[in-house]
């Protein structure tokens, strides 16, 4: 997946679809669970996240999860796919797996 690596705002933030998702969230998620930004992401690539309204934003929030390589780095996606084709998960306490 490739998203142009530039910021692009096409609606107000939050946009109409994001507001719909946050209304659904309000009805389903305990109020003690907070969100910092009123953004609902749909996809991400490199340093850009795209919300459900089509706004492209620079990702300053993901932190250690993708900080070093960006979202959907081809090498990471390929490595994950290779591992998922071998096995999805084993409990390390029960059995080791060959990486």
C-alpha atoms as a PDB file:
ATOM      1  CA  UNK A   1       0.000   0.000   0.000  1.00  0.00           C
ATOM      2  CA  UNK A   2       1.442   3.329  -0.946  1.00  0.00           C
ATOM      3  CA  UNK A   3       0.125   6.641   0.317  1.00  0.00           C
ATOM      4  CA  UNK A   4       1.702   9.876  -0.939  1.00  0.00           C
ATOM      5  CA  UNK A   5       4.079  11.077   1.777  1.00  0.00           C
ATOM      6  CA  UNK A   6       2.490  14.492   2.219  1.00  0.00           C
ATOM      7  CA  UNK A   7      -0.128  16.014   4.463  1.00  0.00           C
ATOM      8  CA  UNK A   8      -3.516  16.633   2.845  1.00  0.00           C
ATOM      9  CA  UNK A   9      -6.614  17.889   4.651  1.00  0.00           C
ATOM     10  CA  UNK A  10      -9.928  17.393   2.819  1.00  0.00           C
ATOM     11  CA  UNK A  11     -12.436  17.771   5.689  1.00  0.00           C
ATOM     12  CA  UNK A  12     -12.537  19.396   9.072  1.00  0.00           C
ATOM     13  CA  UNK A  13     -10.993  17.318  11.877  1.00  0.00           C
ATOM     14  CA  UNK A  14     -12.838  15.257  12.932  1.00  0.00           C
ATOM     15  CA  UNK A  15     -14.565  14.634   9.632  1.00  0.00           C
ATOM     16  CA  UNK A  16     -18.096  13.246   9.276  1.00  0.00           C
ATOM     17  CA  UNK A  17     -17.117   9.556   9.184  1.00  0.00           C
ATOM     18  CA  UNK A  18     -14.767   9.997  12.164  1.00  0.00           C
ATOM     19  CA  UNK A  19     -17.613  11.629  14.122  1.00  0.00           C
ATOM     20  CA  UNK A  20     -19.837   8.628  13.308  1.00  0.00           C
ATOM     21  CA  UNK A  21     -17.149   6.255  14.613  1.00  0.00           C
ATOM     22  CA  UNK A  22     -16.674   8.296  17.788  1.00  0.00           C
ATOM     23  CA  UNK A  23     -20.419   8.254  18.408  1.00  0.00           C
ATOM     24  CA  UNK A  24     -20.370   4.460  18.059  1.00  0.00           C
ATOM     25  CA  UNK A  25     -17.340   4.359  20.376  1.00  0.00           C
ATOM     26  CA  UNK A  26     -19.159   6.526  22.943  1.00  0.00           C
ATOM     27  CA  UNK A  27     -21.972   3.951  23.107  1.00  0.00           C
ATOM     28  CA  UNK A  28     -19.667   0.909  23.292  1.00  0.00           C
ATOM     29  CA  UNK A  29     -16.455   1.816  25.142  1.00  0.00           C
ATOM     30  CA  UNK A  30     -16.193   2.709  28.854  1.00  0.00           C
ATOM     31  CA  UNK A  31     -15.578   6.428  29.399  1.00  0.00           C
ATOM     32  CA  UNK A  32     -12.436   5.677  31.401  1.00  0.00           C
ATOM     33  CA  UNK A  33     -10.696   4.644  28.162  1.00  0.00           C
ATOM     34  CA  UNK A  34      -9.450   7.881  26.605  1.00  0.00           C
ATOM     35  CA  UNK A  35      -8.494   8.959  23.111  1.00  0.00           C
ATOM     36  CA  UNK A  36      -6.136  11.875  22.629  1.00  0.00           C
ATOM     37  CA  UNK A  37      -7.112  12.899  19.093  1.00  0.00           C
ATOM     38  CA  UNK A  38     -10.502  12.757  17.330  1.00  0.00           C
ATOM     39  CA  UNK A  39      -9.072  10.800  14.404  1.00  0.00           C
ATOM     40  CA  UNK A  40     -10.092   7.354  13.149  1.00  0.00           C
ATOM     41  CA  UNK A  41      -7.374   5.912  10.935  1.00  0.00           C
ATOM     42  CA  UNK A  42      -8.136   3.766   7.895  1.00  0.00           C
ATOM     43  CA  UNK A  43      -4.634   2.994   6.641  1.00  0.00           C
ATOM     44  CA  UNK A  44      -1.030   4.083   6.947  1.00  0.00           C
ATOM     45  CA  UNK A  45       2.176   4.019   4.938  1.00  0.00           C
ATOM     46  CA  UNK A  46       5.598   5.405   5.783  1.00  0.00           C
ATOM     47  CA  UNK A  47       5.151   8.499   7.956  1.00  0.00           C
ATOM     48  CA  UNK A  48       1.544   9.189   6.907  1.00  0.00           C
ATOM     49  CA  UNK A  49      -1.755   8.004   8.383  1.00  0.00           C
ATOM     50  CA  UNK A  50      -4.973   8.440   6.434  1.00  0.00           C
ATOM     51  CA  UNK A  51      -8.206   8.794   8.350  1.00  0.00           C
ATOM     52  CA  UNK A  52     -11.605   7.401   7.383  1.00  0.00           C
ATOM     53  CA  UNK A  53     -12.471  10.780   5.839  1.00  0.00           C
ATOM     54  CA  UNK A  54      -9.469  10.807   3.484  1.00  0.00           C
ATOM     55  CA  UNK A  55      -7.336  13.289   5.435  1.00  0.00           C
ATOM     56  CA  UNK A  56      -3.620  12.461   5.339  1.00  0.00           C
ATOM     57  CA  UNK A  57      -1.689  13.363   8.474  1.00  0.00           C
ATOM     58  CA  UNK A  58       1.942  13.102   9.522  1.00  0.00           C
ATOM     59  CA  UNK A  59       2.139  10.389  12.181  1.00  0.00           C
ATOM     60  CA  UNK A  60       3.757  11.806  15.294  1.00  0.00           C
ATOM     61  CA  UNK A  61       1.926   9.423  17.634  1.00  0.00           C
ATOM     62  CA  UNK A  62       2.625   5.766  16.832  1.00  0.00           C
ATOM     63  CA  UNK A  63       5.948   5.792  18.635  1.00  0.00           C
ATOM     64  CA  UNK A  64       7.948   2.628  19.104  1.00  0.00           C
ATOM     65  CA  UNK A  65       5.566   0.507  17.057  1.00  0.00           C
ATOM     66  CA  UNK A  66       6.726   1.927  13.706  1.00  0.00           C
ATOM     67  CA  UNK A  67       9.096   4.756  14.555  1.00  0.00           C
ATOM     68  CA  UNK A  68      12.202   3.231  12.978  1.00  0.00           C
ATOM     69  CA  UNK A  69      10.819   2.037   9.642  1.00  0.00           C
ATOM     70  CA  UNK A  70       7.425   3.689   9.124  1.00  0.00           C
ATOM     71  CA  UNK A  71       4.070   2.068   8.460  1.00  0.00           C
ATOM     72  CA  UNK A  72       3.858  -0.911   6.106  1.00  0.00           C
ATOM     73  CA  UNK A  73       7.576  -1.023   5.311  1.00  0.00           C
ATOM     74  CA  UNK A  74       7.890  -3.656   2.544  1.00  0.00           C
ATOM     75  CA  UNK A  75      10.679  -5.546   4.337  1.00  0.00           C
ATOM     76  CA  UNK A  76       8.650  -5.788   7.547  1.00  0.00           C
ATOM     77  CA  UNK A  77       5.471  -6.797   5.703  1.00  0.00           C
ATOM     78  CA  UNK A  78       7.388  -9.538   3.845  1.00  0.00           C
ATOM     79  CA  UNK A  79       8.967 -10.844   7.062  1.00  0.00           C
ATOM     80  CA  UNK A  80       5.599 -10.888   8.834  1.00  0.00           C
ATOM     81  CA  UNK A  81       3.979 -12.690   5.909  1.00  0.00           C
ATOM     82  CA  UNK A  82       6.734 -15.324   5.886  1.00  0.00           C
ATOM     83  CA  UNK A  83       6.247 -15.950   9.606  1.00  0.00           C
ATOM     84  CA  UNK A  84       2.451 -16.044   9.335  1.00  0.00           C
ATOM     85  CA  UNK A  85       2.739 -18.664   6.602  1.00  0.00           C
ATOM     86  CA  UNK A  86       4.747 -20.844   9.016  1.00  0.00           C
ATOM     87  CA  UNK A  87       2.639 -20.342  12.131  1.00  0.00           C
ATOM     88  CA  UNK A  88       0.633 -17.508  13.585  1.00  0.00           C
ATOM     89  CA  UNK A  89       1.333 -17.856  17.284  1.00  0.00           C
ATOM     90  CA  UNK A  90       2.722 -20.175  19.905  1.00  0.00           C
ATOM     91  CA  UNK A  91       2.894 -19.497  23.615  1.00  0.00           C
ATOM     92  CA  UNK A  92       6.581 -19.111  24.460  1.00  0.00           C
ATOM     93  CA  UNK A  93       5.987 -20.659  27.892  1.00  0.00           C
ATOM     94  CA  UNK A  94       4.486 -23.808  26.368  1.00  0.00           C
ATOM     95  CA  UNK A  95       6.674 -24.388  23.334  1.00  0.00           C
ATOM     96  CA  UNK A  96       9.474 -22.606  21.551  1.00  0.00           C
ATOM     97  CA  UNK A  97       9.271 -21.965  17.848  1.00  0.00           C
ATOM     98  CA  UNK A  98      11.962 -21.711  15.232  1.00  0.00           C
ATOM     99  CA  UNK A  99      11.907 -18.117  13.918  1.00  0.00           C
END
